[in-house]
N, C-alpha and C. Protein backbone atom coordinates (compact mmCIF):
# COMPACT_ATOMS: atom_id res chain seq x y z
N MET A 1 -9.58 21.95 -36.73
CA MET A 1 -8.06 21.81 -36.12
C MET A 1 -8.14 21.49 -34.65
N ASN A 2 -9.06 21.98 -33.90
CA ASN A 2 -9.30 21.91 -32.46
C ASN A 2 -9.81 20.40 -32.19
N THR A 3 -10.62 19.73 -33.08
CA THR A 3 -10.71 18.38 -32.78
C THR A 3 -9.67 17.41 -32.87
N LEU A 4 -8.68 17.92 -34.01
CA LEU A 4 -7.56 16.89 -34.17
C LEU A 4 -6.71 17.17 -32.93
N LYS A 5 -6.62 18.38 -32.42
CA LYS A 5 -5.81 18.56 -31.12
C LYS A 5 -6.22 17.71 -29.83
N SER A 6 -7.62 17.81 -29.74
CA SER A 6 -8.42 17.27 -28.57
C SER A 6 -8.08 15.81 -28.70
N LYS A 7 -8.21 15.33 -30.20
CA LYS A 7 -7.87 13.69 -30.27
C LYS A 7 -6.67 13.25 -29.83
N VAL A 8 -5.80 14.00 -30.29
CA VAL A 8 -4.18 13.76 -30.11
C VAL A 8 -3.93 13.96 -28.49
N MET A 9 -4.48 14.71 -27.86
CA MET A 9 -4.06 14.98 -26.40
C MET A 9 -4.92 13.92 -25.66
N ARG A 10 -6.09 13.51 -26.19
CA ARG A 10 -6.94 12.40 -25.34
C ARG A 10 -5.90 11.34 -25.37
N ARG A 11 -5.29 10.87 -26.61
CA ARG A 11 -4.45 10.00 -26.68
C ARG A 11 -3.30 9.98 -25.66
N VAL A 12 -2.63 11.07 -25.79
CA VAL A 12 -1.51 11.40 -24.97
C VAL A 12 -1.86 11.10 -23.53
N TYR A 13 -3.06 11.58 -23.03
CA TYR A 13 -3.33 11.50 -21.69
C TYR A 13 -3.74 10.00 -21.43
N THR A 14 -4.35 9.31 -22.40
CA THR A 14 -4.53 7.79 -22.08
C THR A 14 -3.23 7.14 -21.87
N PHE A 15 -2.33 7.22 -22.81
CA PHE A 15 -1.22 6.60 -22.72
C PHE A 15 -0.33 6.87 -21.38
N TRP A 16 -0.53 8.20 -20.93
CA TRP A 16 0.15 8.63 -19.66
C TRP A 16 -0.52 7.87 -18.56
N LEU A 17 -1.80 7.78 -18.45
CA LEU A 17 -2.46 7.12 -17.46
C LEU A 17 -2.11 5.78 -17.28
N LEU A 18 -2.17 5.12 -18.55
CA LEU A 18 -1.99 3.49 -18.62
C LEU A 18 -0.40 3.31 -18.04
N ARG A 19 0.58 4.25 -18.43
CA ARG A 19 1.91 3.97 -17.93
C ARG A 19 2.08 4.18 -16.32
N THR A 20 1.23 5.31 -15.95
CA THR A 20 1.21 5.53 -14.68
C THR A 20 0.42 4.37 -13.79
N VAL A 21 -0.44 3.75 -14.27
CA VAL A 21 -1.24 2.74 -13.56
C VAL A 21 -0.28 1.42 -13.69
N TYR A 22 0.38 1.30 -14.65
CA TYR A 22 1.03 -0.12 -14.95
C TYR A 22 2.48 0.08 -14.08
N HIS A 23 2.79 1.11 -13.76
CA HIS A 23 4.19 1.49 -12.90
C HIS A 23 3.89 0.67 -11.56
N SER A 24 5.08 -0.08 -11.32
CA SER A 24 4.99 -1.10 -10.14
C SER A 24 4.77 -0.45 -8.92
N LEU A 25 5.06 0.79 -8.63
CA LEU A 25 4.76 1.38 -7.45
C LEU A 25 3.40 1.62 -7.39
N ALA A 26 2.59 2.00 -8.38
CA ALA A 26 1.15 2.29 -8.23
C ALA A 26 0.51 1.01 -8.21
N LEU A 27 0.81 -0.18 -8.65
CA LEU A 27 0.32 -1.33 -8.78
C LEU A 27 0.43 -1.90 -7.18
N LYS A 28 1.53 -1.69 -6.56
CA LYS A 28 1.65 -2.12 -5.12
C LYS A 28 0.73 -1.45 -4.18
N LEU A 29 0.82 -0.04 -4.47
CA LEU A 29 -0.11 0.90 -3.50
C LEU A 29 -1.63 0.52 -3.98
N MET A 30 -2.03 0.00 -5.01
CA MET A 30 -3.45 -0.24 -5.34
C MET A 30 -3.60 -1.79 -4.56
N GLY A 31 -2.49 -2.53 -4.63
CA GLY A 31 -2.80 -3.97 -3.82
C GLY A 31 -2.90 -3.74 -2.46
N ILE A 32 -2.04 -2.60 -1.89
CA ILE A 32 -2.05 -2.34 -0.37
C ILE A 32 -3.57 -1.73 -0.01
N GLY A 33 -4.15 -0.86 -1.03
CA GLY A 33 -5.40 -0.43 -0.71
C GLY A 33 -6.51 -1.36 -0.67
N MET A 34 -6.33 -2.31 -1.76
CA MET A 34 -7.40 -3.45 -1.75
C MET A 34 -7.50 -4.33 -0.49
N LEU A 35 -6.16 -4.67 -0.04
CA LEU A 35 -6.10 -5.40 1.24
C LEU A 35 -6.49 -4.78 2.40
N VAL A 36 -6.23 -3.44 2.23
CA VAL A 36 -6.91 -2.68 3.76
C VAL A 36 -8.24 -2.71 3.46
N LEU A 37 -8.88 -2.69 2.38
CA LEU A 37 -10.33 -2.69 2.44
C LEU A 37 -10.81 -4.08 2.84
N ILE A 38 -10.29 -5.01 2.52
CA ILE A 38 -10.55 -6.50 2.76
C ILE A 38 -10.50 -6.63 4.40
N LEU A 39 -9.19 -6.07 4.89
CA LEU A 39 -9.22 -6.02 6.45
C LEU A 39 -10.16 -5.39 7.17
N ARG A 40 -10.54 -4.11 6.57
CA ARG A 40 -11.75 -3.43 6.98
C ARG A 40 -12.84 -4.25 7.15
N GLN A 41 -13.40 -5.09 6.21
CA GLN A 41 -14.40 -6.01 6.32
C GLN A 41 -14.43 -7.04 7.27
N LEU A 42 -13.20 -7.45 7.67
CA LEU A 42 -12.88 -8.51 8.51
C LEU A 42 -12.80 -8.12 9.97
N VAL A 43 -12.33 -6.99 10.09
CA VAL A 43 -12.07 -6.31 11.42
C VAL A 43 -12.81 -5.11 11.78
N SER A 44 -13.31 -5.05 13.07
CA SER A 44 -14.02 -3.73 13.27
C SER A 44 -12.71 -2.86 14.10
N LEU A 45 -12.35 -1.89 13.22
CA LEU A 45 -11.20 -1.24 13.60
C LEU A 45 -11.59 -0.34 14.58
N ARG A 46 -12.65 0.08 14.87
CA ARG A 46 -13.20 1.00 15.93
C ARG A 46 -13.04 0.24 17.27
N SER A 47 -13.40 -1.02 17.38
CA SER A 47 -13.48 -1.76 18.50
C SER A 47 -11.87 -2.09 18.92
N VAL A 48 -11.05 -2.38 17.97
CA VAL A 48 -9.81 -2.34 18.15
C VAL A 48 -8.92 -1.37 18.75
N ILE A 49 -9.26 -0.26 18.08
CA ILE A 49 -8.74 1.07 18.68
C ILE A 49 -9.17 1.31 20.22
N MET A 50 -10.38 1.19 20.32
CA MET A 50 -11.10 1.51 21.52
C MET A 50 -10.40 0.54 22.75
N ASN A 51 -10.39 -0.84 22.32
CA ASN A 51 -9.98 -1.65 23.37
C ASN A 51 -8.34 -1.48 23.64
N THR A 52 -7.62 -0.97 22.47
CA THR A 52 -6.21 -0.86 22.73
C THR A 52 -6.05 0.48 23.65
N LEU A 53 -6.90 1.51 23.47
CA LEU A 53 -6.55 2.55 24.40
C LEU A 53 -6.89 2.36 25.68
N GLN A 54 -7.72 1.50 25.96
CA GLN A 54 -8.28 1.16 27.46
C GLN A 54 -7.12 0.36 28.20
N THR A 55 -6.09 -0.12 27.47
CA THR A 55 -5.19 -1.06 28.30
C THR A 55 -4.29 -0.38 29.17
N GLY A 56 -3.84 0.94 28.76
CA GLY A 56 -3.12 1.57 29.83
C GLY A 56 -1.96 2.13 28.91
N GLY A 57 -0.73 1.92 29.39
CA GLY A 57 0.66 2.40 28.89
C GLY A 57 0.93 1.88 27.48
N ILE A 58 1.84 2.11 27.05
CA ILE A 58 2.46 1.87 25.68
C ILE A 58 2.73 0.32 25.63
N ASP A 59 3.51 -0.08 26.72
CA ASP A 59 3.92 -1.56 26.71
C ASP A 59 2.62 -2.48 26.75
N GLN A 60 1.66 -2.07 27.40
CA GLN A 60 0.35 -3.01 27.52
C GLN A 60 -0.31 -2.93 26.31
N MET A 61 -0.42 -1.77 25.54
CA MET A 61 -0.84 -1.64 24.29
C MET A 61 -0.14 -2.61 23.32
N ILE A 62 1.04 -2.61 23.31
CA ILE A 62 1.72 -3.60 22.31
C ILE A 62 1.38 -4.99 22.95
N THR A 63 1.55 -5.41 24.26
CA THR A 63 1.08 -6.74 24.59
C THR A 63 -0.37 -7.14 24.13
N TYR A 64 -1.21 -5.93 24.30
CA TYR A 64 -2.64 -6.40 23.85
C TYR A 64 -2.64 -6.63 22.35
N LEU A 65 -2.01 -5.77 21.67
CA LEU A 65 -2.13 -6.00 20.14
C LEU A 65 -1.57 -7.25 19.52
N GLU A 66 -0.47 -7.67 20.30
CA GLU A 66 0.36 -8.96 20.00
C GLU A 66 -0.67 -10.12 20.32
N TYR A 67 -1.24 -10.00 21.43
CA TYR A 67 -2.19 -11.00 21.94
C TYR A 67 -3.50 -11.19 20.90
N ALA A 68 -3.97 -9.99 20.61
CA ALA A 68 -5.25 -10.08 19.66
C ALA A 68 -4.70 -10.45 18.34
N PHE A 69 -3.66 -10.12 17.73
CA PHE A 69 -3.14 -10.72 16.40
C PHE A 69 -3.05 -12.20 16.46
N ALA A 70 -2.40 -12.58 17.69
CA ALA A 70 -2.06 -14.01 17.72
C ALA A 70 -3.40 -15.03 18.02
N HIS A 71 -4.40 -14.40 18.30
CA HIS A 71 -5.76 -15.11 18.65
C HIS A 71 -6.78 -14.62 17.90
N THR A 72 -6.65 -14.11 16.51
CA THR A 72 -7.37 -13.82 15.60
C THR A 72 -7.75 -14.82 14.57
N GLN A 73 -8.77 -14.74 13.42
CA GLN A 73 -8.76 -15.77 12.40
C GLN A 73 -7.56 -15.59 11.62
N ALA A 74 -7.34 -16.75 10.87
CA ALA A 74 -6.16 -16.85 9.82
C ALA A 74 -6.33 -15.99 8.81
N SER A 75 -7.57 -15.71 8.25
CA SER A 75 -7.93 -14.71 7.19
C SER A 75 -7.22 -13.31 7.56
N VAL A 76 -7.47 -12.99 8.71
CA VAL A 76 -7.11 -11.66 9.46
C VAL A 76 -5.46 -11.53 9.38
N GLN A 77 -4.95 -12.67 10.02
CA GLN A 77 -3.38 -12.77 10.19
C GLN A 77 -2.77 -12.82 8.53
N ILE A 78 -3.23 -13.41 7.79
CA ILE A 78 -2.74 -13.46 6.29
C ILE A 78 -2.84 -12.18 5.77
N THR A 79 -4.04 -11.63 5.77
CA THR A 79 -4.22 -10.36 5.04
C THR A 79 -3.50 -9.20 5.76
N PHE A 80 -3.17 -9.04 6.93
CA PHE A 80 -2.32 -8.31 7.80
C PHE A 80 -0.89 -8.32 7.38
N ALA A 81 -0.34 -9.76 7.27
CA ALA A 81 0.95 -10.06 6.92
C ALA A 81 1.21 -9.65 5.43
N LEU A 82 0.17 -9.80 4.57
CA LEU A 82 0.35 -9.55 3.18
C LEU A 82 0.53 -7.85 2.91
N ILE A 83 -0.23 -7.28 3.91
CA ILE A 83 -0.08 -5.71 3.78
C ILE A 83 1.30 -5.39 4.32
N GLY A 84 1.71 -5.94 5.27
CA GLY A 84 3.09 -5.59 5.78
C GLY A 84 4.14 -5.92 4.47
N VAL A 85 4.15 -7.10 4.10
CA VAL A 85 5.17 -7.58 3.26
C VAL A 85 5.10 -6.62 2.08
N LEU A 86 3.80 -6.24 1.58
CA LEU A 86 3.61 -5.38 0.32
C LEU A 86 4.06 -3.96 0.69
N ALA A 87 4.00 -3.54 1.91
CA ALA A 87 4.40 -2.13 2.21
C ALA A 87 5.85 -1.96 2.38
N VAL A 88 6.68 -2.92 2.80
CA VAL A 88 8.03 -3.13 2.94
C VAL A 88 8.68 -3.21 1.69
N TRP A 89 7.98 -4.03 0.60
CA TRP A 89 8.47 -4.03 -0.60
C TRP A 89 8.39 -2.94 -1.45
N THR A 90 7.25 -2.07 -1.12
CA THR A 90 7.11 -1.03 -1.94
C THR A 90 7.94 0.04 -1.56
N VAL A 91 8.31 0.17 -0.18
CA VAL A 91 9.42 1.06 0.36
C VAL A 91 10.69 0.66 -0.16
N ILE A 92 11.14 -0.42 -0.15
CA ILE A 92 12.39 -0.93 -0.88
C ILE A 92 12.61 -0.36 -2.31
N ASP A 93 11.42 -0.83 -3.00
CA ASP A 93 11.42 -0.68 -4.37
C ASP A 93 11.75 0.91 -4.59
N ALA A 94 10.70 1.76 -3.95
CA ALA A 94 10.76 3.18 -4.15
C ALA A 94 12.28 3.79 -3.79
N LEU A 95 12.75 3.34 -2.77
CA LEU A 95 14.11 3.64 -2.44
C LEU A 95 15.11 3.41 -3.18
N ARG A 96 15.12 2.14 -3.92
CA ARG A 96 15.97 1.67 -4.72
C ARG A 96 15.99 2.32 -6.15
N LYS A 97 14.78 2.69 -6.51
CA LYS A 97 14.57 3.30 -7.89
C LYS A 97 15.02 5.25 -7.67
N ASP A 98 14.70 5.53 -6.48
CA ASP A 98 14.71 7.05 -6.30
C ASP A 98 16.12 7.22 -5.98
N PHE A 99 17.13 6.54 -5.31
CA PHE A 99 18.23 6.65 -4.90
C PHE A 99 19.32 6.09 -5.60
N SER A 100 19.04 5.64 -6.60
CA SER A 100 20.11 4.82 -7.53
C SER A 100 20.93 5.76 -8.25
N ILE A 101 22.21 5.50 -8.21
CA ILE A 101 23.15 6.46 -8.94
C ILE A 101 23.22 6.14 -10.51
N PRO A 102 22.93 6.91 -11.21
CA PRO A 102 22.77 6.65 -12.75
C PRO A 102 24.25 6.25 -13.22
N GLU A 103 24.33 5.29 -14.09
CA GLU A 103 25.66 4.83 -14.64
C GLU A 103 26.24 6.15 -15.48
N ALA A 104 27.46 6.06 -15.50
CA ALA A 104 28.02 7.33 -16.39
C ALA A 104 28.02 6.87 -17.80
N VAL A 105 27.80 7.94 -18.86
CA VAL A 105 27.67 7.48 -20.20
C VAL A 105 29.34 7.97 -20.69
N VAL A 106 29.50 6.88 -21.45
CA VAL A 106 30.69 6.89 -22.15
C VAL A 106 30.66 7.36 -23.52
N VAL A 107 31.56 8.44 -23.83
CA VAL A 107 31.29 8.97 -25.23
C VAL A 107 32.43 8.59 -25.87
């Protein structure tokens, strides 16, 4: 009896995992994670952070980051833009699904 129960529960957990992975929010977060890993291979984040902190005030930091972004390779710009678009899309999708008002059921 325990083997039948374990087989059934294994199937239940498998289907739960598949439904969780294929959920649009999970897919978007995995996409962001993959793009961040690609960006990490393209850019030395340690150098960017150190150079940004050496510029001075907040306004100079923003100016430096704008200049660095404008003068970097196209692959870095595209990857960074995709991360931003996917992040905004994920937030909008999550807010729309979590804060939607359910329709009234008419009996």
